[in-house]
Every structure is written in structure tokens, then in C-alpha cells.
Amino acid sequence: MDYLDRNAAPLTAEEWSRVDGAIVDTARQILVGRRIVEVLGPLGSGVYSMPYSVFSAKNATGIDMLGETDEYVVEASSRATINLPMLYKDFKIMWRDVEADRHLGLPLDVSTAAVAANFVAVQEDNLIFNGNADLGHQGLFTAQGRLTLKISDWSEPGTALNDVVKAVGALSEAGHYGPYAMVVSPVLFGRMVRVFGNTGMLELDQVKALITGGVFYSNVIRGEKAVVLATGSQNINLAVGQDLTTAYMGPVNMNHLFRVLETAALLIRRPNAICTVE
């Protein structure tokens, strides 16, 4: 961890603990992608790229008395390699603020660290859901080979549940039998928060009965879009090299510059485990 140069920062162990706590707490509140995609790692800060297997189709499974048929073999349709970019945001703590807090016996103000962590967390979710065309990274909404459904008008009662049933049916037909998770745009999430028919239950509750892996919304999803996926590391991983942490960048005009950073990439092993509704 020497590359983070944390020992050079003019912070006590207690103050570093406050910075780290603010960053972790903020990220935990913001991150949605990690709730549905399993993390692979941390693999190490120096890992530039990650090779992984891609599987393309549903395979038959053998059932007979002897087990001597050699047709039922799972093998990758291709191997891919993806780079792990760095996601980062810098923040500054003023030297006078540090001295004032110590003089008054106040805990260090770590609000700037929390704001920086917010930005990095949003960037991670944006990478997971929308990908990054400049880096050649695919997200859940841009993955080639994913299943797609045309969205209905979710302002009409029952249409949200109907679309989710269709998405689950499409995933099941492709050989993915759950558990399923779903993430929608905020506007679509709001439309599910209404009483469903004469049941006395919210339509959201009806959807959750089918989507046992959780139903969430993310602000990085714009417009009226949803994604349903079969969860599990056999389908999708978030490869993490360096997990979210803070480095000391050095003094700038007597003030103290820090960086919140991580390295990560989305590994889509089975694209047809993803169904977008848009």
C-alpha cells in the first residue's frame, strides 16, 4: 500500500479512520451494481487486465444409465480480456481546517471525502449499467448478445408486472432459472409504488415476489428502462483490482490533496443472462 503514500499525510490514525469510514459509508449507500453483481477480487492494484471465459448458448445435459456420452461438456465459446480502468476523484482538505478542528477538539471534517466517494460510486454504477464506449467496455444495457424486450406503458396498472413476467420467461427460455434481480430507472420504480388491483398490495411487492434477488433503482439509468438479470458469478462479475480506497497526493499551496480511487471492470460471461426492457 506504499503507493498510496498515506504515511506522508499529516493525519493521525484516528483522522484517517474518519476519512476511510466516510468513504465506505457513502459508497455503501450509493452503490447499486454491487447488490446484484458478485465482486471478483480484490485482485491487486497492479492488475491492468483480466482474462475471462465467455459462454454463448444453452447446453443440453446428459441423463442416461452409463454416462459415457461425451457430448455434454461445458466449454467457453471464446476467451476475452478486459482492461481495469481507474475510477477516481480528488478532494482537498484545507490545512487551516485541520488545525482549527484540532484546536477546538472537534473531529476532522471529512465531508469533502464523502463527496468524492459519492462521485466515484456513481461512476462505478455508470460503468456497470451503461458501459464506457471510449474504453470499449460494455454495460448491462449495452452488452452484445443480451435479450431485449420492448417496454409497455408502466403508467397503466399491471403492465410493470407483465413486462417483468415476460423478461423472466425470456431468461428462463435461454436456460437461466434464477434467482433474478432487477434494476430500473427512478421514474419506473415510482410507477410500481401503487396498489395492485384489489389485492391491497403494491405492484412493487408483486414484482418482488418474482424477482427474489432484489428490485432496485439507480440514478445512472435514464428515461424509462429496466434490466432483469440472472445473478451469479457464472453469468456476470465485477472484477476489482484495487477496491475503493484513499491515497495522499501531497501538499498543494499548504493544503492537503487526496484521491479516492478504485480499479474495476464488468465481466459479462453469459450475455443472454441479461434482459433489458426499454
C-alpha atoms as a PDB file:
ATOM      1  CA  MET A   1       0.000   0.000   0.000  1.00  0.00           C
ATOM      2  CA  ASP A   2       3.053   2.313  -0.090  1.00  0.00           C
ATOM      3  CA  TYR A   3       1.957   3.708  -3.442  1.00  0.00           C
ATOM      4  CA  LEU A   4      -0.940   5.391  -1.610  1.00  0.00           C
ATOM      5  CA  ASP A   5       1.631   7.382   0.416  1.00  0.00           C
ATOM      6  CA  ARG A   6      -0.759   7.563   3.361  1.00  0.00           C
ATOM      7  CA  ASN A   7       2.052   7.816   5.915  1.00  0.00           C
ATOM      8  CA  ALA A   8       3.122  11.105   4.353  1.00  0.00           C
ATOM      9  CA  ALA A   9      -0.243  12.712   5.047  1.00  0.00           C
ATOM     10  CA  PRO A  10      -0.451  14.981   8.109  1.00  0.00           C
ATOM     11  CA  LEU A  11      -3.326  12.951   9.569  1.00  0.00           C
ATOM     12  CA  THR A  12      -3.433  10.907  12.737  1.00  0.00           C
ATOM     13  CA  ALA A  13      -4.626   7.299  12.725  1.00  0.00           C
ATOM     14  CA  GLU A  14      -7.970   8.450  14.129  1.00  0.00           C
ATOM     15  CA  GLU A  15      -8.345  11.070  11.392  1.00  0.00           C
ATOM     16  CA  TRP A  16      -7.524   8.516   8.690  1.00  0.00           C
ATOM     17  CA  SER A  17     -10.144   6.251  10.218  1.00  0.00           C
ATOM     18  CA  ARG A  18     -12.718   9.018   9.858  1.00  0.00           C
ATOM     19  CA  VAL A  19     -11.766   9.568   6.216  1.00  0.00           C
ATOM     20  CA  ASP A  20     -11.971   5.860   5.421  1.00  0.00           C
ATOM     21  CA  GLY A  21     -15.246   5.489   7.287  1.00  0.00           C
ATOM     22  CA  ALA A  22     -16.846   8.378   5.418  1.00  0.00           C
ATOM     23  CA  ILE A  23     -15.795   6.932   2.072  1.00  0.00           C
ATOM     24  CA  VAL A  24     -17.013   3.412   2.803  1.00  0.00           C
ATOM     25  CA  ASP A  25     -20.310   4.576   4.305  1.00  0.00           C
ATOM     26  CA  THR A  26     -21.021   6.900   1.388  1.00  0.00           C
ATOM     27  CA  ALA A  27     -20.193   4.298  -1.235  1.00  0.00           C
ATOM     28  CA  ARG A  28     -22.308   1.665   0.515  1.00  0.00           C
ATOM     29  CA  GLN A  29     -25.323   3.988   0.370  1.00  0.00           C
ATOM     30  CA  ILE A  30     -24.828   4.847  -3.310  1.00  0.00           C
ATOM     31  CA  LEU A  31     -23.693   1.627  -4.998  1.00  0.00           C
ATOM     32  CA  VAL A  32     -26.418  -0.434  -6.645  1.00  0.00           C
ATOM     33  CA  GLY A  33     -24.458  -2.577  -9.098  1.00  0.00           C
ATOM     34  CA  ARG A  34     -22.662  -4.467  -6.329  1.00  0.00           C
ATOM     35  CA  ARG A  35     -26.019  -5.505  -4.901  1.00  0.00           C
ATOM     36  CA  ILE A  36     -26.758  -7.606  -7.972  1.00  0.00           C
ATOM     37  CA  VAL A  37     -23.312  -8.404  -9.409  1.00  0.00           C
ATOM     38  CA  GLU A  38     -20.819 -10.522  -7.471  1.00  0.00           C
ATOM     39  CA  VAL A  39     -17.394  -8.976  -6.877  1.00  0.00           C
ATOM     40  CA  LEU A  40     -14.307 -10.847  -8.029  1.00  0.00           C
ATOM     41  CA  GLY A  41     -11.292  -9.662  -6.072  1.00  0.00           C
ATOM     42  CA  PRO A  42      -9.615  -7.530  -4.932  1.00  0.00           C
ATOM     43  CA  LEU A  43      -7.125  -8.833  -7.481  1.00  0.00           C
ATOM     44  CA  GLY A  44      -4.379  -6.320  -6.723  1.00  0.00           C
ATOM     45  CA  SER A  45      -3.743  -2.702  -7.578  1.00  0.00           C
ATOM     46  CA  GLY A  46      -1.216  -3.576 -10.268  1.00  0.00           C
ATOM     47  CA  VAL A  47      -3.611  -5.729 -12.307  1.00  0.00           C
ATOM     48  CA  TYR A  48      -4.082  -3.920 -15.611  1.00  0.00           C
ATOM     49  CA  SER A  49      -6.265  -6.508 -17.356  1.00  0.00           C
ATOM     50  CA  MET A  50      -8.354  -9.584 -16.652  1.00  0.00           C
ATOM     51  CA  PRO A  51      -8.860 -12.616 -18.952  1.00  0.00           C
ATOM     52  CA  TYR A  52     -12.188 -14.418 -18.642  1.00  0.00           C
ATOM     53  CA  SER A  53     -14.363 -17.002 -20.375  1.00  0.00           C
ATOM     54  CA  VAL A  54     -17.479 -16.158 -22.392  1.00  0.00           C
ATOM     55  CA  PHE A  55     -20.288 -18.677 -22.892  1.00  0.00           C
ATOM     56  CA  SER A  56     -22.777 -18.240 -25.705  1.00  0.00           C
ATOM     57  CA  ALA A  57     -25.611 -20.752 -25.600  1.00  0.00           C
ATOM     58  CA  LYS A  58     -27.696 -23.131 -23.559  1.00  0.00           C
ATOM     59  CA  ASN A  59     -26.193 -26.641 -23.473  1.00  0.00           C
ATOM     60  CA  ALA A  60     -28.015 -29.935 -23.129  1.00  0.00           C
ATOM     61  CA  THR A  61     -27.312 -32.022 -20.029  1.00  0.00           C
ATOM     62  CA  GLY A  62     -26.797 -35.759 -20.135  1.00  0.00           C
ATOM     63  CA  ILE A  63     -29.096 -38.275 -18.496  1.00  0.00           C
ATOM     64  CA  ASP A  64     -28.575 -41.972 -19.190  1.00  0.00           C
ATOM     65  CA  MET A  65     -27.536 -45.203 -17.489  1.00  0.00           C
ATOM     66  CA  LEU A  66     -23.841 -45.307 -18.396  1.00  0.00           C
ATOM     67  CA  GLY A  67     -22.608 -41.726 -18.575  1.00  0.00           C
ATOM     68  CA  GLU A  68     -20.281 -42.489 -21.460  1.00  0.00           C
ATOM     69  CA  THR A  69     -21.572 -39.874 -23.907  1.00  0.00           C
ATOM     70  CA  ASP A  70     -19.013 -37.113 -24.431  1.00  0.00           C
ATOM     71  CA  GLU A  71     -21.379 -34.525 -25.942  1.00  0.00           C
ATOM     72  CA  TYR A  72     -22.334 -32.868 -22.672  1.00  0.00           C
ATOM     73  CA  VAL A  73     -19.295 -30.712 -21.988  1.00  0.00           C
ATOM     74  CA  VAL A  74     -19.342 -27.113 -20.843  1.00  0.00           C
ATOM     75  CA  GLU A  75     -16.645 -25.108 -22.585  1.00  0.00           C
ATOM     76  CA  ALA A  76     -16.106 -21.461 -23.317  1.00  0.00           C
ATOM     77  CA  SER A  77     -17.165 -20.235 -26.729  1.00  0.00           C
ATOM     78  CA  SER A  78     -14.398 -17.631 -26.526  1.00  0.00           C
ATOM     79  CA  ARG A  79     -11.873 -16.026 -24.215  1.00  0.00           C
ATOM     80  CA  ALA A  80     -11.840 -12.289 -23.693  1.00  0.00           C
ATOM     81  CA  THR A  81      -9.558  -9.848 -21.927  1.00  0.00           C
ATOM     82  CA  ILE A  82     -10.709  -6.589 -20.416  1.00  0.00           C
ATOM     83  CA  ASN A  83      -8.699  -3.701 -19.016  1.00  0.00           C
ATOM     84  CA  LEU A  84      -9.384  -2.483 -15.480  1.00  0.00           C
ATOM     85  CA  PRO A  85      -9.600   1.313 -15.642  1.00  0.00           C
ATOM     86  CA  MET A  86      -9.084   3.555 -12.649  1.00  0.00           C
ATOM     87  CA  LEU A  87     -12.117   5.393 -11.302  1.00  0.00           C
ATOM     88  CA  TYR A  88     -11.076   8.364  -9.184  1.00  0.00           C
ATOM     89  CA  LYS A  89     -11.975  11.729  -7.739  1.00  0.00           C
ATOM     90  CA  ASP A  90      -9.639  14.090  -5.904  1.00  0.00           C
ATOM     91  CA  PHE A  91     -10.535  16.148  -2.863  1.00  0.00           C
ATOM     92  CA  LYS A  92      -8.774  18.758  -0.759  1.00  0.00           C
ATOM     93  CA  ILE A  93      -8.659  19.294   2.983  1.00  0.00           C
ATOM     94  CA  MET A  94      -7.531  22.781   3.970  1.00  0.00           C
ATOM     95  CA  TRP A  95      -4.657  22.947   6.437  1.00  0.00           C
ATOM     96  CA  ARG A  96      -6.441  25.630   8.457  1.00  0.00           C
ATOM     97  CA  ASP A  97      -9.489  23.360   8.834  1.00  0.00           C
ATOM     98  CA  VAL A  98      -7.270  20.603  10.219  1.00  0.00           C
ATOM     99  CA  GLU A  99      -5.620  22.975  12.680  1.00  0.00           C
ATOM    100  CA  ALA A 100      -8.907  24.578  13.707  1.00  0.00           C
ATOM    101  CA  ASP A 101     -10.595  21.223  14.369  1.00  0.00           C
ATOM    102  CA  ARG A 102      -7.649  20.063  16.460  1.00  0.00           C
ATOM    103  CA  HIS A 103      -7.516  23.321  18.399  1.00  0.00           C
ATOM    104  CA  LEU A 104     -11.222  23.159  19.220  1.00  0.00           C
ATOM    105  CA  GLY A 105     -11.130  19.437  19.944  1.00  0.00           C
ATOM    106  CA  LEU A 106     -13.548  18.683  17.095  1.00  0.00           C
ATOM    107  CA  PRO A 107     -13.433  15.576  14.902  1.00  0.00           C
ATOM    108  CA  LEU A 108     -11.901  16.174  11.472  1.00  0.00           C
ATOM    109  CA  ASP A 109     -14.428  17.406   8.906  1.00  0.00           C
ATOM    110  CA  VAL A 110     -14.451  14.674   6.237  1.00  0.00           C
ATOM    111  CA  SER A 111     -17.354  15.968   4.153  1.00  0.00           C
ATOM    112  CA  THR A 112     -15.123  16.570   1.123  1.00  0.00           C
ATOM    113  CA  ALA A 113     -14.001  12.936   1.257  1.00  0.00           C
ATOM    114  CA  ALA A 114     -17.632  11.797   1.331  1.00  0.00           C
ATOM    115  CA  VAL A 115     -18.473  13.955  -1.692  1.00  0.00           C
ATOM    116  CA  ALA A 116     -15.536  12.487  -3.635  1.00  0.00           C
ATOM    117  CA  ALA A 117     -16.635   8.965  -2.710  1.00  0.00           C
ATOM    118  CA  ASN A 118     -20.110   9.773  -3.984  1.00  0.00           C
ATOM    119  CA  PHE A 119     -18.707  10.688  -7.390  1.00  0.00           C
ATOM    120  CA  VAL A 120     -16.624   7.511  -7.638  1.00  0.00           C
ATOM    121  CA  ALA A 121     -19.544   5.299  -6.591  1.00  0.00           C
ATOM    122  CA  VAL A 122     -21.777   6.864  -9.240  1.00  0.00           C
ATOM    123  CA  GLN A 123     -19.035   6.333 -11.825  1.00  0.00           C
ATOM    124  CA  GLU A 124     -18.808   2.642 -10.888  1.00  0.00           C
ATOM    125  CA  ASP A 125     -22.557   2.167 -11.304  1.00  0.00           C
ATOM    126  CA  ASN A 126     -22.448   4.042 -14.601  1.00  0.00           C
ATOM    127  CA  LEU A 127     -19.742   1.649 -15.824  1.00  0.00           C
ATOM    128  CA  ILE A 128     -21.772  -1.382 -14.731  1.00  0.00           C
ATOM    129  CA  PHE A 129     -25.069  -0.318 -16.249  1.00  0.00           C
ATOM    130  CA  ASN A 130     -24.087   1.844 -19.230  1.00  0.00           C
ATOM    131  CA  GLY A 131     -20.543   0.728 -20.023  1.00  0.00           C
ATOM    132  CA  ASN A 132     -17.969   3.069 -21.496  1.00  0.00           C
ATOM    133  CA  ALA A 133     -17.709   3.320 -25.265  1.00  0.00           C
ATOM    134  CA  ASP A 134     -14.371   5.150 -25.166  1.00  0.00           C
ATOM    135  CA  LEU A 135     -12.782   2.287 -23.232  1.00  0.00           C
ATOM    136  CA  GLY A 136     -14.623  -0.412 -25.182  1.00  0.00           C
ATOM    137  CA  HIS A 137     -16.470  -1.605 -22.075  1.00  0.00           C
ATOM    138  CA  GLN A 138     -19.989  -2.979 -22.296  1.00  0.00           C
ATOM    139  CA  GLY A 139     -22.559  -2.474 -19.560  1.00  0.00           C
ATOM    140  CA  LEU A 140     -25.749  -4.314 -18.737  1.00  0.00           C
ATOM    141  CA  PHE A 141     -27.726  -2.035 -21.079  1.00  0.00           C
ATOM    142  CA  THR A 142     -25.194  -2.209 -23.916  1.00  0.00           C
ATOM    143  CA  ALA A 143     -23.983  -5.820 -23.809  1.00  0.00           C
ATOM    144  CA  GLN A 144     -23.956  -7.544 -27.185  1.00  0.00           C
ATOM    145  CA  GLY A 145     -25.987 -10.739 -27.107  1.00  0.00           C
ATOM    146  CA  ARG A 146     -28.285  -9.626 -24.292  1.00  0.00           C
ATOM    147  CA  LEU A 147     -32.018 -10.286 -24.503  1.00  0.00           C
ATOM    148  CA  THR A 148     -34.266  -7.298 -25.144  1.00  0.00           C
ATOM    149  CA  LEU A 149     -37.961  -6.566 -24.711  1.00  0.00           C
ATOM    150  CA  LYS A 150     -39.969  -3.531 -25.734  1.00  0.00           C
ATOM    151  CA  ILE A 151     -41.300  -1.753 -22.694  1.00  0.00           C
ATOM    152  CA  SER A 152     -45.027  -1.292 -22.150  1.00  0.00           C
ATOM    153  CA  ASP A 153     -46.666   1.779 -20.631  1.00  0.00           C
ATOM    154  CA  TRP A 154     -45.941   1.326 -16.920  1.00  0.00           C
ATOM    155  CA  SER A 155     -48.356   4.117 -16.070  1.00  0.00           C
ATOM    156  CA  GLU A 156     -51.089   1.528 -16.697  1.00  0.00           C
ATOM    157  CA  PRO A 157     -51.713  -0.782 -13.703  1.00  0.00           C
ATOM    158  CA  GLY A 158     -50.332  -4.280 -14.131  1.00  0.00           C
ATOM    159  CA  THR A 159     -48.057  -3.518 -17.086  1.00  0.00           C
ATOM    160  CA  ALA A 160     -44.878  -3.434 -14.978  1.00  0.00           C
ATOM    161  CA  LEU A 161     -45.582  -6.887 -13.578  1.00  0.00           C
ATOM    162  CA  ASN A 162     -46.493  -8.139 -17.042  1.00  0.00           C
ATOM    163  CA  ASP A 163     -43.197  -6.913 -18.511  1.00  0.00           C
ATOM    164  CA  VAL A 164     -41.248  -8.497 -15.670  1.00  0.00           C
ATOM    165  CA  VAL A 165     -43.022 -11.819 -16.249  1.00  0.00           C
ATOM    166  CA  LYS A 166     -42.046 -11.615 -19.933  1.00  0.00           C
ATOM    167  CA  ALA A 167     -38.424 -10.853 -19.045  1.00  0.00           C
ATOM    168  CA  VAL A 168     -38.226 -13.753 -16.615  1.00  0.00           C
ATOM    169  CA  GLY A 169     -39.811 -16.003 -19.230  1.00  0.00           C
ATOM    170  CA  ALA A 170     -37.223 -14.955 -21.816  1.00  0.00           C
ATOM    171  CA  LEU A 171     -34.361 -15.626 -19.389  1.00  0.00           C
ATOM    172  CA  SER A 172     -35.838 -18.982 -18.436  1.00  0.00           C
ATOM    173  CA  GLU A 173     -36.174 -19.924 -22.104  1.00  0.00           C
ATOM    174  CA  ALA A 174     -32.472 -19.100 -22.507  1.00  0.00           C
ATOM    175  CA  GLY A 175     -31.625 -21.518 -19.695  1.00  0.00           C
ATOM    176  CA  HIS A 176     -31.357 -19.098 -16.763  1.00  0.00           C
ATOM    177  CA  TYR A 177     -33.683 -20.155 -13.973  1.00  0.00           C
ATOM    178  CA  GLY A 178     -32.881 -17.587 -11.343  1.00  0.00           C
ATOM    179  CA  PRO A 179     -32.539 -16.124  -8.881  1.00  0.00           C
ATOM    180  CA  TYR A 180     -33.253 -12.898 -10.731  1.00  0.00           C
ATOM    181  CA  ALA A 181     -32.553  -9.289  -9.809  1.00  0.00           C
ATOM    182  CA  MET A 182     -33.884  -6.119 -11.395  1.00  0.00           C
ATOM    183  CA  VAL A 183     -32.741  -2.508 -11.539  1.00  0.00           C
ATOM    184  CA  VAL A 184     -34.905   0.219 -13.036  1.00  0.00           C
ATOM    185  CA  SER A 185     -34.773   3.942 -13.591  1.00  0.00           C
ATOM    186  CA  PRO A 186     -36.200   6.086 -10.757  1.00  0.00           C
ATOM    187  CA  VAL A 187     -39.281   7.013 -12.775  1.00  0.00           C
ATOM    188  CA  LEU A 188     -40.175   3.358 -13.368  1.00  0.00           C
ATOM    189  CA  PHE A 189     -39.586   2.479  -9.723  1.00  0.00           C
ATOM    190  CA  GLY A 190     -42.043   5.198  -8.748  1.00  0.00           C
ATOM    191  CA  ARG A 191     -44.688   3.772 -11.049  1.00  0.00           C
ATOM    192  CA  MET A 192     -44.554   0.423  -9.244  1.00  0.00           C
ATOM    193  CA  VAL A 193     -45.293   2.038  -5.896  1.00  0.00           C
ATOM    194  CA  ARG A 194     -49.070   1.790  -6.242  1.00  0.00           C
ATOM    195  CA  VAL A 195     -51.748  -0.618  -5.108  1.00  0.00           C
ATOM    196  CA  PHE A 196     -52.119  -3.569  -7.462  1.00  0.00           C
ATOM    197  CA  GLY A 197     -55.766  -4.227  -8.327  1.00  0.00           C
ATOM    198  CA  ASN A 198     -57.867  -5.259  -5.350  1.00  0.00           C
ATOM    199  CA  THR A 199     -55.027  -7.107  -3.605  1.00  0.00           C
ATOM    200  CA  GLY A 200     -54.158  -4.335  -1.165  1.00  0.00           C
ATOM    201  CA  MET A 201     -50.501  -4.909  -2.146  1.00  0.00           C
ATOM    202  CA  LEU A 202     -48.204  -2.652  -4.078  1.00  0.00           C
ATOM    203  CA  GLU A 203     -47.362  -3.694  -7.619  1.00  0.00           C
ATOM    204  CA  LEU A 204     -43.741  -3.468  -6.453  1.00  0.00           C
ATOM    205  CA  ASP A 205     -44.441  -6.216  -3.916  1.00  0.00           C
ATOM    206  CA  GLN A 206     -45.884  -8.413  -6.662  1.00  0.00           C
ATOM    207  CA  VAL A 207     -42.741  -7.869  -8.719  1.00  0.00           C
ATOM    208  CA  LYS A 208     -40.512  -8.657  -5.727  1.00  0.00           C
ATOM    209  CA  ALA A 209     -42.316 -11.976  -5.276  1.00  0.00           C
ATOM    210  CA  LEU A 210     -40.950 -12.971  -8.680  1.00  0.00           C
ATOM    211  CA  ILE A 211     -37.613 -11.137  -8.518  1.00  0.00           C
ATOM    212  CA  THR A 212     -36.184 -12.714  -5.370  1.00  0.00           C
ATOM    213  CA  GLY A 213     -32.701 -11.262  -5.897  1.00  0.00           C
ATOM    214  CA  GLY A 214     -33.988  -7.760  -5.205  1.00  0.00           C
ATOM    215  CA  VAL A 215     -35.591  -4.837  -7.038  1.00  0.00           C
ATOM    216  CA  PHE A 216     -33.626  -1.593  -7.022  1.00  0.00           C
ATOM    217  CA  TYR A 217     -33.387   1.717  -8.845  1.00  0.00           C
ATOM    218  CA  SER A 218     -30.321   3.631  -9.957  1.00  0.00           C
ATOM    219  CA  ASN A 219     -29.993   7.262 -10.921  1.00  0.00           C
ATOM    220  CA  VAL A 220     -27.486   6.385 -13.650  1.00  0.00           C
ATOM    221  CA  ILE A 221     -30.368   4.764 -15.591  1.00  0.00           C
ATOM    222  CA  ARG A 222     -32.097   7.491 -17.547  1.00  0.00           C
ATOM    223  CA  GLY A 223     -35.593   7.573 -19.011  1.00  0.00           C
ATOM    224  CA  GLU A 224     -37.844   4.536 -18.866  1.00  0.00           C
ATOM    225  CA  LYS A 225     -35.589   1.483 -18.791  1.00  0.00           C
ATOM    226  CA  ALA A 226     -35.178  -1.649 -16.715  1.00  0.00           C
ATOM    227  CA  VAL A 227     -32.809  -4.592 -16.649  1.00  0.00           C
ATOM    228  CA  VAL A 228     -33.551  -8.059 -15.310  1.00  0.00           C
ATOM    229  CA  LEU A 229     -30.679 -10.499 -14.925  1.00  0.00           C
ATOM    230  CA  ALA A 230     -29.964 -13.959 -13.659  1.00  0.00           C
ATOM    231  CA  THR A 231     -27.466 -13.389 -10.872  1.00  0.00           C
ATOM    232  CA  GLY A 232     -24.394 -15.454 -10.123  1.00  0.00           C
ATOM    233  CA  SER A 233     -20.672 -15.420 -10.848  1.00  0.00           C
ATOM    234  CA  GLN A 234     -21.227 -17.878 -13.688  1.00  0.00           C
ATOM    235  CA  ASN A 235     -23.021 -15.067 -15.524  1.00  0.00           C
ATOM    236  CA  ILE A 236     -21.545 -11.708 -14.500  1.00  0.00           C
ATOM    237  CA  ASN A 237     -18.728 -10.459 -12.261  1.00  0.00           C
ATOM    238  CA  LEU A 238     -17.382  -7.112 -11.228  1.00  0.00           C
ATOM    239  CA  ALA A 239     -13.626  -7.601 -11.357  1.00  0.00           C
ATOM    240  CA  VAL A 240     -11.988  -5.327  -8.782  1.00  0.00           C
ATOM    241  CA  GLY A 241      -8.246  -4.739  -8.781  1.00  0.00           C
ATOM    242  CA  GLN A 242      -7.866  -2.089  -6.106  1.00  0.00           C
ATOM    243  CA  ASP A 243     -11.036  -1.710  -4.074  1.00  0.00           C
ATOM    244  CA  LEU A 244     -12.223   1.729  -3.032  1.00  0.00           C
ATOM    245  CA  THR A 245      -9.532   3.484  -1.016  1.00  0.00           C
ATOM    246  CA  THR A 246      -7.862   6.850  -0.456  1.00  0.00           C
ATOM    247  CA  ALA A 247      -4.383   7.996  -1.405  1.00  0.00           C
ATOM    248  CA  TYR A 248      -2.454  11.062  -0.308  1.00  0.00           C
ATOM    249  CA  MET A 249      -1.436  13.210  -3.277  1.00  0.00           C
ATOM    250  CA  GLY A 250       0.718  15.692  -1.391  1.00  0.00           C
ATOM    251  CA  PRO A 251       0.609  19.329  -0.315  1.00  0.00           C
ATOM    252  CA  VAL A 252      -0.778  21.964  -2.673  1.00  0.00           C
ATOM    253  CA  ASN A 253      -0.364  25.565  -1.548  1.00  0.00           C
ATOM    254  CA  MET A 254      -0.048  24.258   2.026  1.00  0.00           C
ATOM    255  CA  ASN A 255      -3.361  22.417   1.741  1.00  0.00           C
ATOM    256  CA  HIS A 256      -3.704  18.627   1.540  1.00  0.00           C
ATOM    257  CA  LEU A 257      -4.763  16.853  -1.662  1.00  0.00           C
ATOM    258  CA  PHE A 258      -6.178  13.319  -1.577  1.00  0.00           C
ATOM    259  CA  ARG A 259      -7.623  10.907  -4.139  1.00  0.00           C
ATOM    260  CA  VAL A 260     -10.465   8.403  -3.806  1.00  0.00           C
ATOM    261  CA  LEU A 261      -9.833   5.611  -6.298  1.00  0.00           C
ATOM    262  CA  GLU A 262     -10.546   2.073  -7.366  1.00  0.00           C
ATOM    263  CA  THR A 263      -9.906  -0.106 -10.421  1.00  0.00           C
ATOM    264  CA  ALA A 264     -12.743  -2.232 -11.771  1.00  0.00           C
ATOM    265  CA  ALA A 265     -14.360  -3.740 -14.874  1.00  0.00           C
ATOM    266  CA  LEU A 266     -17.540  -5.664 -15.618  1.00  0.00           C
ATOM    267  CA  LEU A 267     -17.079  -9.249 -16.848  1.00  0.00           C
ATOM    268  CA  ILE A 268     -20.093 -10.413 -18.841  1.00  0.00           C
ATOM    269  CA  ARG A 269     -19.640 -14.171 -19.154  1.00  0.00           C
ATOM    270  CA  ARG A 270     -23.121 -15.072 -20.408  1.00  0.00           C
ATOM    271  CA  PRO A 271     -24.748 -12.088 -22.161  1.00  0.00           C
ATOM    272  CA  ASN A 272     -28.090 -13.866 -22.521  1.00  0.00           C
ATOM    273  CA  ALA A 273     -28.395 -13.852 -18.719  1.00  0.00           C
ATOM    274  CA  ILE A 274     -29.300 -10.165 -19.157  1.00  0.00           C
ATOM    275  CA  CYS A 275     -32.687  -8.945 -20.370  1.00  0.00           C
ATOM    276  CA  THR A 276     -33.232  -5.217 -20.874  1.00  0.00           C
ATOM    277  CA  VAL A 277     -36.719  -3.721 -21.031  1.00  0.00           C
ATOM    278  CA  GLU A 278     -36.671  -0.401 -22.870  1.00  0.00           C
END
